[in-house]
Amino acid sequence: MNAEMMPGKDIIIFSRYYFLVKITMKTPVNDTHRVDDTEENLEKCICKMCPTFRLNKLADFPPVALFCARGRSKIPSTIKTTNCYCLGCDIFIKHELVITHLCVHR
């Protein structure tokens, strides 16, 4: 059996079969290292700068920030999504989260 790694890829070629390896996708729900609701994380939180947060006035509805730890917004109407800043957040990166618009989807 002949197996080889493709340079720069997480794909192993094994005969005629392709296996994806080392791909782990986490969300706050199934993350084994869940995001903690702490003052330190709240200081790092960039939710309040997000265009979706500002457009929908999410500061008026709990939780007012740190959606990755506290859950989605309790706003009674549908949230109009626009650019999302989750991907640039240190907490998002540290916990290797993959779902954006956590104010909507968490």
Protein backbone atom coordinates (compact mmCIF):
# COMPACT_ATOMS: atom_id res chain seq x y z
CA MET A 1 0.00 0.00 0.00
CA ASN A 2 1.41 3.31 -1.06
CA ALA A 3 0.52 6.43 0.95
CA GLU A 4 1.90 9.93 0.45
CA MET A 5 1.21 13.39 1.82
CA MET A 6 0.45 16.24 -0.53
CA PRO A 7 2.68 19.21 0.40
CA GLY A 8 0.77 22.03 2.07
CA LYS A 9 -2.46 20.03 2.17
CA ASP A 10 -4.23 18.01 4.82
CA ILE A 11 -5.05 15.27 2.35
CA ILE A 12 -3.47 11.82 2.32
CA ILE A 13 -3.46 10.01 -0.97
CA PHE A 14 -3.73 6.30 -0.25
CA SER A 15 -3.93 4.25 -3.42
CA ARG A 16 -7.05 5.63 -5.05
CA TYR A 17 -8.76 6.80 -1.88
CA TYR A 18 -8.54 10.29 -0.44
CA PHE A 19 -8.77 10.87 3.29
CA LEU A 20 -9.08 14.27 4.90
CA VAL A 21 -7.11 14.52 8.10
CA LYS A 22 -6.55 17.07 10.83
CA ILE A 23 -9.75 18.94 10.10
CA THR A 24 -11.53 19.84 13.28
CA MET A 25 -14.39 22.29 13.20
CA LYS A 26 -15.73 23.54 16.48
CA THR A 27 -18.66 25.67 17.48
CA PRO A 28 -19.32 27.07 20.94
CA VAL A 29 -21.81 24.24 21.44
CA ASN A 30 -19.44 21.32 20.81
CA ASP A 31 -16.17 23.01 21.76
CA THR A 32 -14.50 21.00 24.49
CA HIS A 33 -12.86 24.23 25.67
CA ARG A 34 -15.98 26.35 25.84
CA VAL A 35 -15.65 30.09 25.92
CA ASP A 36 -15.90 31.28 29.50
CA ASP A 37 -18.05 34.26 30.46
CA THR A 38 -15.30 36.18 32.26
CA GLU A 39 -14.32 39.83 32.65
CA GLU A 40 -11.08 39.08 30.78
CA ASN A 41 -12.98 37.72 27.77
CA LEU A 42 -15.44 40.62 27.94
CA GLU A 43 -12.51 43.06 27.67
CA LYS A 44 -11.28 41.23 24.53
CA CYS A 45 -14.78 41.06 23.03
CA ILE A 46 -15.30 43.04 19.80
CA CYS A 47 -19.04 42.34 19.39
CA LYS A 48 -19.97 45.98 20.06
CA MET A 49 -17.86 47.13 17.10
CA CYS A 50 -19.55 44.72 14.67
CA PRO A 51 -21.79 46.19 11.93
CA THR A 52 -24.46 43.54 12.58
CA PHE A 53 -24.47 44.45 16.29
CA ARG A 54 -24.82 48.17 15.56
CA LEU A 55 -27.39 47.81 12.75
CA ASN A 56 -29.74 45.77 14.92
CA LYS A 57 -29.11 47.73 18.15
CA LEU A 58 -28.24 44.51 19.96
CA ALA A 59 -27.01 46.47 22.97
CA ASP A 60 -30.69 46.91 23.87
CA PHE A 61 -31.24 43.14 24.29
CA PRO A 62 -29.44 40.57 26.45
CA PRO A 63 -26.77 39.41 26.25
CA VAL A 64 -25.22 42.68 25.18
CA ALA A 65 -21.86 41.17 24.14
CA LEU A 66 -19.71 38.02 24.29
CA PHE A 67 -22.22 35.97 22.29
CA CYS A 68 -19.72 33.10 21.94
CA ALA A 69 -20.02 32.51 25.69
CA ARG A 70 -23.49 33.84 26.51
CA GLY A 71 -25.51 32.68 23.51
CA ARG A 72 -27.47 34.44 20.78
CA SER A 73 -29.22 37.74 21.20
CA LYS A 74 -32.72 37.72 22.71
CA ILE A 75 -33.89 40.36 20.24
CA PRO A 76 -37.55 39.57 19.42
CA SER A 77 -37.25 40.42 15.72
CA THR A 78 -35.13 38.80 13.03
CA ILE A 79 -31.54 40.00 13.04
CA LYS A 80 -30.47 41.56 9.76
CA THR A 81 -26.99 40.20 9.15
CA THR A 82 -24.27 42.23 7.53
CA ASN A 83 -20.47 42.10 7.84
CA CYS A 84 -19.39 39.95 10.75
CA TYR A 85 -16.36 40.69 12.94
CA CYS A 86 -16.29 37.28 14.68
CA LEU A 87 -13.43 36.06 12.48
CA GLY A 88 -11.18 38.88 13.69
CA CYS A 89 -11.88 38.37 17.38
CA ASP A 90 -9.05 37.04 19.57
CA ILE A 91 -11.51 34.85 21.48
CA PHE A 92 -12.89 33.37 18.24
CA ILE A 93 -9.36 32.62 17.02
CA LYS A 94 -8.12 31.24 20.36
CA HIS A 95 -11.02 28.78 20.60
CA GLU A 96 -10.86 27.89 16.89
CA LEU A 97 -14.55 28.61 16.40
CA VAL A 98 -16.00 28.37 12.90
CA ILE A 99 -19.54 29.72 12.99
CA THR A 100 -19.80 33.44 12.35
CA HIS A 101 -22.65 35.75 13.37
CA LEU A 102 -22.70 34.19 16.83
CA CYS A 103 -25.24 36.84 17.87
CA VAL A 104 -27.66 35.05 15.52
CA HIS A 105 -26.60 31.39 15.38
CA ARG A 106 -25.34 30.42 18.82
